[in-house]
Amino acid sequence: MADLARAALAFLCFFLVAYAVSEDRARIPWRVVIGGLALQFAAAAILIGFPPAQKIVLVANDAAHALQAATDAGSSFVFGYLGGAAPPFEEKNAGASFILAFKALPMVLTISALASLLFHWGVLQRIAGAFAFVLQRSLGVSGPLALGAAVHIFVGMIEAPLLIRPYLARMQRGELFALMSCGMAGVAGTVMVIYAGFLAPRLPDALGHILVASVIATPAAIAVAAVMTPWVPGEKRDAQLVVEHPPTGAFDAIVKGVADGVGPLVGVVSVLLTTIALVTLVNMALAHLPVVGGETVSLQWAFAFLFRPVVWLIGVPWSESAPAAALMATKTVVNEFVAYRDMSGVGPETLSPKSRLILTYAMCGFANFGSMGILVGGLNVMLPERRAEIARLGLLSIVSGTLATAMSGCVAGVLFDLGAIHLPG
């Protein structure tokens, strides 16, 4: 009962934060807010507690293992031992031969090609359309926003707006912010399997949890955005996905998917390299400040200080809140890729199964400063006439995206306490 009361307090605190920075408290569309919160809980309960939905999640996990094995075969052939083949030398330290760029990141190309093929066959459109229908009918949002939010589950924060580009110029300020918030509260399908690979050794059904996290964060992001930057609901415009230069056949779709995947792959490598370098540079400068509480001052240290009460609110025991807050800080300062990788190396003596589950959901989003730059830059190209507006909303989207994923973590913790999620240990 105490844990449930803490969860209720967490949601109250998160909405109070959103309310405090709201641009127009008198125009908040409460149907969207209440409906988004209810839909987050309902979707989580169905996807986690409904047996047919559980079977789909298990199939997704099996598919992830198959995709990883298939990608390993290709990367091993192309890159040899750098890509996963047996090294021609004795490995002195376990895991020393694992090279991120050659072993994990090629999955981006595989997923991109597969997604392009499924889009060509109309599979993704039907799934996204069904989810958009639920969002539009339950929350009362417009067709373009519902479709843009739904497609964020499968593609990145730039690709989703591109697919509804003809509707962007007519979106209200609040609707545009809601779309940005959905992008920051989710992760692209091209990296889900990579994150699941990091977590699988310590979290059963890792991909299933990441998929559920991406789905349930979407209505939460819309609800938080509706509080922070309200809009006037009522326009029942329909929308459909738009693809420039569609492929002419299945093989052309695969080739196009591979070509489209090169950009995100290079982007992930570039952002990882640059972000880690810049954060390290700032931390080197901060290291000259006096030591506080026996710890060297750094960006991660500052954000971990802020996140410690947050992770406690969403269900992490106070005794585990320091390492949990440090992971949330890494996710925000650097990105979720590094945070998930770091969490995979944290032992059970540091984080309990419940805490690891909560963090898996709470960190499942692009809400960090590097991603904000990518999002703002991409939208500026699509909507140059709204450049100043997008820049202003960009920083706020980190807040809304973080609040939405924190709510997802809280929901996962509640379902764990209720016995809907069973974890070994």
Protein backbone atom coordinates (compact mmCIF):
# COMPACT_ATOMS: atom_id res chain seq x y z
CA MET A 1 0.00 0.00 0.00
CA ALA A 2 2.86 2.37 0.79
CA ASP A 3 4.36 1.79 -2.66
CA LEU A 4 1.01 2.54 -4.34
CA ALA A 5 0.69 5.75 -2.32
CA ARG A 6 4.20 6.73 -3.39
CA ALA A 7 3.25 6.09 -7.04
CA ALA A 8 0.19 8.34 -6.68
CA LEU A 9 2.43 11.01 -5.14
CA ALA A 10 4.84 10.64 -8.07
CA PHE A 11 2.14 11.32 -10.65
CA LEU A 12 0.88 14.28 -8.64
CA CYS A 13 4.39 15.75 -8.42
CA PHE A 14 5.08 15.24 -12.12
CA PHE A 15 1.87 16.97 -13.15
CA LEU A 16 2.54 19.79 -10.70
CA VAL A 17 5.91 20.32 -12.42
CA ALA A 18 4.17 20.43 -15.80
CA TYR A 19 1.48 22.75 -14.41
CA ALA A 20 4.09 25.09 -12.94
CA VAL A 21 5.66 25.70 -16.36
CA SER A 22 2.37 25.71 -18.28
CA GLU A 23 2.02 28.46 -20.86
CA ASP A 24 -1.75 28.83 -20.37
CA ARG A 25 -3.29 27.06 -17.38
CA ALA A 26 -6.80 28.26 -18.25
CA ARG A 27 -6.82 26.40 -21.60
CA ILE A 28 -5.53 22.99 -20.49
CA PRO A 29 -7.58 20.31 -22.32
CA TRP A 30 -8.34 18.09 -19.33
CA ARG A 31 -9.90 15.36 -21.46
CA VAL A 32 -6.54 14.88 -23.15
CA VAL A 33 -4.69 14.91 -19.81
CA ILE A 34 -6.97 12.48 -17.98
CA GLY A 35 -7.42 10.31 -21.05
CA GLY A 36 -3.67 10.10 -21.65
CA LEU A 37 -3.03 9.02 -18.08
CA ALA A 38 -5.82 6.42 -18.17
CA LEU A 39 -4.64 5.12 -21.54
CA GLN A 40 -1.08 4.71 -20.25
CA PHE A 41 -2.26 2.49 -17.39
CA ALA A 42 -4.73 0.59 -19.57
CA ALA A 43 -2.19 -0.07 -22.33
CA ALA A 44 0.40 -1.25 -19.80
CA ALA A 45 -2.09 -3.56 -18.08
CA ILE A 46 -3.22 -5.07 -21.38
CA LEU A 47 0.23 -5.49 -22.89
CA ILE A 48 1.70 -6.96 -19.70
CA GLY A 49 -1.23 -8.77 -18.07
CA PHE A 50 -3.34 -9.97 -21.04
CA PRO A 51 -2.18 -13.46 -22.15
CA PRO A 52 -2.57 -12.94 -25.95
CA ALA A 53 -0.61 -9.68 -25.69
CA GLN A 54 2.05 -11.45 -23.63
CA LYS A 55 2.44 -14.02 -26.39
CA ILE A 56 3.02 -11.24 -28.90
CA VAL A 57 5.69 -9.77 -26.63
CA LEU A 58 7.37 -13.19 -26.33
CA VAL A 59 7.32 -13.51 -30.12
CA ALA A 60 8.95 -10.09 -30.33
CA ASN A 61 11.73 -11.27 -28.01
CA ASP A 62 12.30 -14.37 -30.12
CA ALA A 63 12.37 -12.20 -33.23
CA ALA A 64 14.96 -9.96 -31.58
CA HIS A 65 17.25 -12.91 -30.94
CA ALA A 66 16.80 -14.05 -34.54
CA LEU A 67 17.58 -10.57 -35.87
CA GLN A 68 20.68 -10.34 -33.70
CA ALA A 69 21.91 -13.75 -34.86
CA ALA A 70 21.26 -12.83 -38.50
CA THR A 71 23.03 -9.49 -38.14
CA ASP A 72 25.96 -11.18 -36.39
CA ALA A 73 26.32 -13.49 -39.37
CA GLY A 74 26.53 -10.52 -41.73
CA SER A 75 28.82 -8.40 -39.56
CA SER A 76 31.12 -11.39 -38.89
CA PHE A 77 31.42 -12.02 -42.63
CA VAL A 78 32.14 -8.37 -43.43
CA PHE A 79 34.23 -7.34 -40.41
CA GLY A 80 35.64 -10.67 -39.23
CA TYR A 81 36.42 -10.86 -35.52
CA LEU A 82 35.65 -7.15 -35.16
CA GLY A 83 32.05 -8.01 -36.01
CA GLY A 84 31.74 -11.04 -33.78
CA ALA A 85 33.68 -13.85 -35.44
CA ALA A 86 36.12 -15.85 -33.34
CA PRO A 87 39.23 -13.69 -32.70
CA PRO A 88 42.58 -15.04 -33.95
CA PHE A 89 44.09 -14.43 -30.52
CA GLU A 90 43.43 -15.28 -26.90
CA GLU A 91 41.05 -12.83 -25.24
CA LYS A 92 42.68 -11.89 -21.92
CA ASN A 93 39.73 -9.90 -20.56
CA ALA A 94 36.15 -11.14 -21.00
CA GLY A 95 34.29 -8.86 -23.41
CA ALA A 96 37.41 -7.07 -24.61
CA SER A 97 36.74 -8.09 -28.22
CA PHE A 98 33.27 -6.46 -28.17
CA ILE A 99 33.50 -3.38 -30.39
CA LEU A 100 30.29 -1.35 -30.33
CA ALA A 101 30.51 0.08 -33.85
CA PHE A 102 31.01 -3.33 -35.48
CA LYS A 103 29.07 -5.65 -33.17
CA ALA A 104 25.95 -3.78 -32.05
CA LEU A 105 25.35 -0.86 -34.39
CA PRO A 106 25.01 -2.87 -37.66
CA MET A 107 21.60 -3.87 -36.28
CA VAL A 108 20.45 -0.37 -37.30
CA LEU A 109 20.83 -1.33 -40.96
CA THR A 110 19.03 -4.65 -40.52
CA ILE A 111 16.07 -3.07 -38.74
CA SER A 112 15.90 -0.19 -41.21
CA ALA A 113 15.77 -2.57 -44.18
CA LEU A 114 13.13 -4.73 -42.50
CA ALA A 115 11.02 -1.71 -41.53
CA SER A 116 11.15 -0.41 -45.10
CA LEU A 117 9.96 -3.78 -46.38
CA LEU A 118 7.13 -3.96 -43.85
CA PHE A 119 6.14 -0.40 -44.75
CA HIS A 120 6.10 -1.34 -48.44
CA TRP A 121 3.79 -4.25 -47.65
CA GLY A 122 1.53 -1.96 -45.61
CA VAL A 123 2.07 -3.73 -42.29
CA LEU A 124 3.42 -0.75 -40.33
CA GLN A 125 0.73 1.55 -41.70
CA ARG A 126 -1.98 -0.74 -40.35
CA ILE A 127 -0.39 -1.02 -36.92
CA ALA A 128 0.26 2.72 -36.68
CA GLY A 129 -3.21 3.45 -38.01
CA ALA A 130 -4.82 1.26 -35.34
CA PHE A 131 -2.90 2.97 -32.56
CA ALA A 132 -3.67 6.39 -34.05
CA PHE A 133 -7.37 5.46 -34.11
CA VAL A 134 -7.23 4.66 -30.37
CA LEU A 135 -5.45 7.94 -29.60
CA GLN A 136 -7.84 10.02 -31.68
CA ARG A 137 -11.01 8.44 -30.28
CA SER A 138 -9.91 8.25 -26.62
CA LEU A 139 -8.11 11.58 -26.31
CA GLY A 140 -9.95 13.64 -28.90
CA VAL A 141 -6.75 14.77 -30.64
CA SER A 142 -6.55 15.55 -34.35
CA GLY A 143 -5.70 12.93 -36.96
CA PRO A 144 -2.24 14.34 -37.82
CA LEU A 145 -1.17 14.44 -34.16
CA ALA A 146 -2.56 10.97 -33.46
CA LEU A 147 -0.84 9.49 -36.51
CA GLY A 148 2.44 11.30 -35.83
CA ALA A 149 2.41 10.14 -32.22
CA ALA A 150 1.60 6.56 -33.21
CA VAL A 151 4.34 6.26 -35.81
CA HIS A 152 6.92 7.43 -33.25
CA ILE A 153 6.79 3.89 -31.84
CA PHE A 154 8.48 2.57 -34.97
CA VAL A 155 10.66 5.39 -36.25
CA GLY A 156 12.81 8.17 -34.83
CA MET A 157 11.97 11.68 -33.75
CA ILE A 158 12.85 13.11 -37.20
CA GLU A 159 11.40 10.37 -39.40
CA ALA A 160 7.95 10.60 -37.75
CA PRO A 161 7.40 14.31 -38.54
CA LEU A 162 8.65 13.65 -42.07
CA LEU A 163 5.90 11.07 -42.58
CA ILE A 164 3.23 13.69 -41.75
CA ARG A 165 5.10 16.67 -43.16
CA PRO A 166 2.15 18.09 -45.19
CA TYR A 167 0.23 18.63 -41.92
CA LEU A 168 2.97 20.22 -39.82
CA ALA A 169 2.50 23.82 -40.93
CA ARG A 170 -1.17 23.80 -39.83
CA MET A 171 -0.53 22.29 -36.41
CA GLN A 172 -1.24 24.43 -33.38
CA ARG A 173 1.73 25.29 -31.17
CA GLY A 174 0.59 22.82 -28.53
CA GLU A 175 0.08 20.04 -31.07
CA LEU A 176 3.57 20.57 -32.45
CA PHE A 177 4.97 20.43 -28.92
CA ALA A 178 3.02 17.23 -28.24
CA LEU A 179 4.55 15.68 -31.36
CA MET A 180 8.04 16.74 -30.20
CA SER A 181 7.33 15.35 -26.73
CA CYS A 182 6.36 11.97 -28.19
CA GLY A 183 9.68 11.93 -30.03
CA MET A 184 11.60 12.62 -26.83
CA ALA A 185 9.57 10.08 -24.81
CA GLY A 186 10.28 7.16 -27.14
CA VAL A 187 13.11 5.45 -28.97
CA ALA A 188 13.37 4.43 -32.61
CA GLY A 189 12.73 0.84 -33.61
CA THR A 190 16.21 0.76 -35.12
CA VAL A 191 17.83 0.86 -31.67
CA MET A 192 15.31 -1.05 -29.54
CA VAL A 193 16.93 -4.39 -30.29
CA ILE A 194 20.37 -3.00 -29.41
CA TYR A 195 19.13 -1.82 -26.03
CA ALA A 196 17.43 -5.16 -25.45
CA GLY A 197 20.75 -6.86 -26.20
CA PHE A 198 22.39 -4.82 -23.44
CA LEU A 199 19.66 -5.68 -20.92
CA ALA A 200 18.81 -9.28 -21.82
CA PRO A 201 21.43 -10.95 -19.56
CA ARG A 202 19.89 -9.33 -16.46
CA LEU A 203 16.29 -8.61 -17.52
CA PRO A 204 14.12 -11.42 -18.99
CA ASP A 205 11.99 -10.41 -22.00
CA ALA A 206 13.99 -7.19 -22.32
CA LEU A 207 12.73 -6.29 -25.79
CA GLY A 208 9.15 -6.84 -24.72
CA HIS A 209 9.56 -4.36 -21.88
CA ILE A 210 11.19 -1.80 -24.19
CA LEU A 211 8.34 -2.19 -26.68
CA VAL A 212 5.76 -1.73 -23.93
CA ALA A 213 7.67 1.28 -22.60
CA SER A 214 7.64 2.92 -26.03
CA VAL A 215 3.89 2.36 -26.40
CA ILE A 216 2.76 3.55 -22.97
CA ALA A 217 5.01 6.62 -22.95
CA THR A 218 3.17 8.05 -25.97
CA PRO A 219 -0.19 8.89 -24.31
CA ALA A 220 1.73 10.10 -21.24
CA ALA A 221 3.79 12.45 -23.42
CA ILE A 222 0.63 13.85 -25.01
CA ALA A 223 -0.93 14.35 -21.56
CA VAL A 224 2.13 16.15 -20.17
CA ALA A 225 2.44 18.29 -23.31
CA ALA A 226 -1.23 19.27 -23.03
CA VAL A 227 -0.53 20.67 -19.56
CA MET A 228 2.72 22.44 -20.47
CA THR A 229 1.62 23.89 -23.81
CA PRO A 230 -2.16 23.59 -24.18
CA TRP A 231 -3.99 23.60 -27.49
CA VAL A 232 -7.64 23.80 -28.48
CA PRO A 233 -8.93 20.32 -29.35
CA GLY A 234 -11.84 19.88 -31.68
CA GLU A 235 -10.38 19.66 -35.17
CA LYS A 236 -11.17 16.13 -36.39
CA ARG A 237 -8.84 16.21 -39.38
CA ASP A 238 -7.83 12.84 -40.77
CA ALA A 239 -4.30 12.11 -41.94
CA GLN A 240 -2.29 9.47 -43.70
CA LEU A 241 1.40 8.62 -43.85
CA VAL A 242 3.27 10.16 -46.75
CA VAL A 243 6.47 8.70 -48.25
CA GLU A 244 8.53 10.59 -50.82
CA HIS A 245 9.76 8.40 -53.66
CA PRO A 246 8.11 5.12 -52.54
CA PRO A 247 9.91 1.90 -53.55
CA THR A 248 8.80 0.09 -56.69
CA GLY A 249 9.05 -3.41 -55.22
CA ALA A 250 10.12 -5.50 -52.27
CA PHE A 251 13.80 -5.62 -53.22
CA ASP A 252 13.81 -1.88 -53.90
CA ALA A 253 12.26 -1.37 -50.46
CA ILE A 254 15.10 -3.36 -48.86
CA VAL A 255 17.75 -1.38 -50.74
CA LYS A 256 16.03 1.89 -49.87
CA GLY A 257 15.79 0.82 -46.22
CA VAL A 258 19.51 0.07 -46.08
CA ALA A 259 20.31 3.44 -47.67
CA ASP A 260 17.96 5.22 -45.25
CA GLY A 261 19.60 3.38 -42.34
CA VAL A 262 23.08 4.65 -43.16
CA GLY A 263 22.19 8.17 -42.01
CA PRO A 264 20.90 7.11 -38.57
CA LEU A 265 23.85 4.74 -38.17
CA VAL A 266 26.36 7.48 -38.89
CA GLY A 267 24.30 9.83 -36.74
CA VAL A 268 24.36 7.48 -33.75
CA VAL A 269 28.13 7.03 -34.05
CA SER A 270 28.73 10.75 -34.49
CA VAL A 271 26.44 11.82 -31.65
CA LEU A 272 27.91 9.21 -29.30
CA LEU A 273 31.47 10.25 -30.09
CA THR A 274 30.84 13.99 -29.94
CA THR A 275 28.53 13.98 -26.92
CA ILE A 276 30.88 11.87 -24.83
CA ALA A 277 33.81 14.04 -25.88
CA LEU A 278 32.03 17.31 -25.01
CA VAL A 279 30.67 16.02 -21.71
CA THR A 280 34.16 14.81 -20.82
CA LEU A 281 35.58 18.22 -21.70
CA VAL A 282 33.05 20.00 -19.46
CA ASN A 283 33.67 17.52 -16.65
CA MET A 284 37.43 18.12 -16.93
CA ALA A 285 36.76 21.81 -16.33
CA LEU A 286 34.33 21.14 -13.46
CA ALA A 287 36.87 18.84 -11.82
CA HIS A 288 38.84 21.95 -10.81
CA LEU A 289 36.01 22.98 -8.46
CA PRO A 290 36.21 21.98 -4.79
CA VAL A 291 35.13 18.43 -3.98
CA VAL A 292 31.57 18.21 -2.61
CA GLY A 293 30.72 15.43 -0.17
CA GLY A 294 33.79 13.48 -1.20
CA GLU A 295 32.73 13.49 -4.88
CA THR A 296 34.19 15.37 -7.83
CA VAL A 297 31.77 17.84 -9.40
CA SER A 298 30.56 16.84 -12.88
CA LEU A 299 27.48 17.20 -15.07
CA GLN A 300 26.40 13.68 -14.14
CA TRP A 301 26.88 14.48 -10.46
CA ALA A 302 24.65 17.57 -10.71
CA PHE A 303 21.87 15.78 -12.56
CA ALA A 304 22.11 12.73 -10.31
CA PHE A 305 21.49 15.05 -7.36
CA LEU A 306 18.26 16.22 -9.02
CA PHE A 307 17.15 12.75 -10.09
CA ARG A 308 17.59 11.03 -6.72
CA PRO A 309 14.16 12.05 -5.33
CA VAL A 310 12.63 11.34 -8.76
CA VAL A 311 13.79 7.72 -8.90
CA TRP A 312 12.62 7.23 -5.30
CA LEU A 313 9.18 8.57 -6.22
CA ILE A 314 8.80 6.13 -9.11
CA GLY A 315 9.55 3.14 -6.90
CA VAL A 316 13.30 2.68 -6.49
CA PRO A 317 14.27 2.06 -2.82
CA TRP A 318 16.21 4.93 -1.28
CA SER A 319 19.17 2.59 -0.67
CA GLU A 320 19.42 2.08 -4.45
CA SER A 321 18.51 5.61 -5.45
CA ALA A 322 22.10 6.88 -5.82
CA PRO A 323 23.18 4.44 -8.60
CA ALA A 324 19.71 4.69 -10.18
CA ALA A 325 19.91 8.50 -10.24
CA ALA A 326 23.40 8.28 -11.73
CA LEU A 327 22.02 6.19 -14.61
CA MET A 328 19.18 8.68 -15.18
CA ALA A 329 21.74 11.48 -15.17
CA THR A 330 23.84 9.66 -17.77
CA LYS A 331 20.72 9.16 -19.88
CA THR A 332 19.95 12.90 -19.78
CA VAL A 333 23.46 14.35 -20.05
CA VAL A 334 24.83 11.85 -22.59
CA ASN A 335 22.05 9.57 -23.91
CA GLU A 336 20.04 6.44 -23.18
CA PHE A 337 22.40 4.29 -25.27
CA VAL A 338 25.25 4.82 -22.80
CA ALA A 339 22.88 4.57 -19.82
CA TYR A 340 21.56 1.18 -20.90
CA ARG A 341 25.09 -0.03 -21.58
CA ASP A 342 26.17 1.14 -18.12
CA MET A 343 23.18 -0.51 -16.45
CA SER A 344 24.06 -3.83 -18.08
CA GLY A 345 27.28 -3.76 -16.06
CA VAL A 346 25.60 -3.01 -12.73
CA GLY A 347 25.34 -6.14 -10.57
CA PRO A 348 22.32 -7.43 -8.61
CA GLU A 349 23.93 -6.32 -5.37
CA THR A 350 23.52 -2.70 -6.54
CA LEU A 351 20.12 -2.77 -8.27
CA SER A 352 17.27 -5.13 -7.43
CA PRO A 353 15.17 -6.69 -10.24
CA LYS A 354 12.36 -4.21 -9.53
CA SER A 355 14.69 -1.19 -9.72
CA ARG A 356 16.22 -2.49 -12.94
CA LEU A 357 12.73 -2.91 -14.41
CA ILE A 358 11.68 0.61 -13.40
CA LEU A 359 14.82 2.13 -14.90
CA THR A 360 14.35 0.19 -18.13
CA TYR A 361 11.05 2.02 -18.59
CA ALA A 362 12.18 5.37 -17.18
CA MET A 363 15.24 5.56 -19.46
CA CYS A 364 13.40 4.48 -22.62
CA GLY A 365 13.35 7.82 -24.39
CA PHE A 366 15.43 10.25 -26.43
CA ALA A 367 15.08 13.08 -23.88
CA ASN A 368 18.66 14.36 -23.74
CA PHE A 369 20.51 17.43 -24.98
CA GLY A 370 22.07 15.77 -28.02
CA SER A 371 18.72 14.48 -29.24
CA MET A 372 17.17 17.88 -28.65
CA GLY A 373 19.69 19.37 -31.06
CA ILE A 374 18.86 16.75 -33.67
CA LEU A 375 15.12 17.28 -33.22
CA VAL A 376 15.28 21.08 -33.38
CA GLY A 377 17.63 21.00 -36.37
CA GLY A 378 15.43 18.57 -38.29
CA LEU A 379 12.21 20.46 -37.63
CA ASN A 380 13.84 23.76 -38.57
CA VAL A 381 14.48 22.33 -42.03
CA MET A 382 10.87 21.17 -42.33
CA LEU A 383 9.34 24.33 -40.82
CA PRO A 384 11.77 27.24 -41.32
CA GLU A 385 8.98 29.76 -40.71
CA ARG A 386 8.58 28.43 -37.14
CA ARG A 387 12.27 28.30 -36.26
CA ALA A 388 12.06 30.49 -33.12
CA GLU A 389 9.02 28.61 -31.86
CA ILE A 390 10.73 25.22 -32.34
CA ALA A 391 13.87 26.38 -30.53
CA ARG A 392 11.81 27.50 -27.53
CA LEU A 393 9.88 24.22 -27.44
CA GLY A 394 13.02 22.11 -27.86
CA LEU A 395 14.30 22.59 -24.31
CA LEU A 396 10.82 22.07 -22.87
CA SER A 397 10.54 18.77 -24.78
CA ILE A 398 13.39 17.35 -22.67
CA VAL A 399 11.29 18.06 -19.58
CA SER A 400 8.07 16.62 -21.04
CA GLY A 401 9.84 13.56 -22.45
CA THR A 402 11.56 12.86 -19.12
CA LEU A 403 8.32 13.24 -17.18
CA ALA A 404 6.53 10.85 -19.55
CA THR A 405 9.17 8.12 -19.29
CA ALA A 406 9.35 8.57 -15.50
CA MET A 407 5.61 7.93 -15.42
CA SER A 408 6.17 4.77 -17.45
CA GLY A 409 8.73 3.62 -14.90
CA CYS A 410 6.24 4.32 -12.13
CA VAL A 411 3.54 2.29 -13.91
CA ALA A 412 5.96 -0.63 -14.36
CA GLY A 413 6.77 -0.52 -10.64
CA VAL A 414 3.07 -0.55 -9.72
CA LEU A 415 2.39 -3.54 -11.98
CA PHE A 416 5.36 -5.32 -10.42
CA ASP A 417 3.95 -4.69 -6.94
CA LEU A 418 0.54 -5.98 -8.06
CA GLY A 419 2.10 -9.19 -9.36
CA ALA A 420 1.47 -8.54 -13.06
CA ILE A 421 5.21 -8.66 -13.79
CA HIS A 422 7.27 -11.54 -12.49
CA LEU A 423 11.06 -11.36 -12.46
CA PRO A 424 13.58 -13.92 -11.15
CA GLY A 425 15.59 -12.95 -8.11
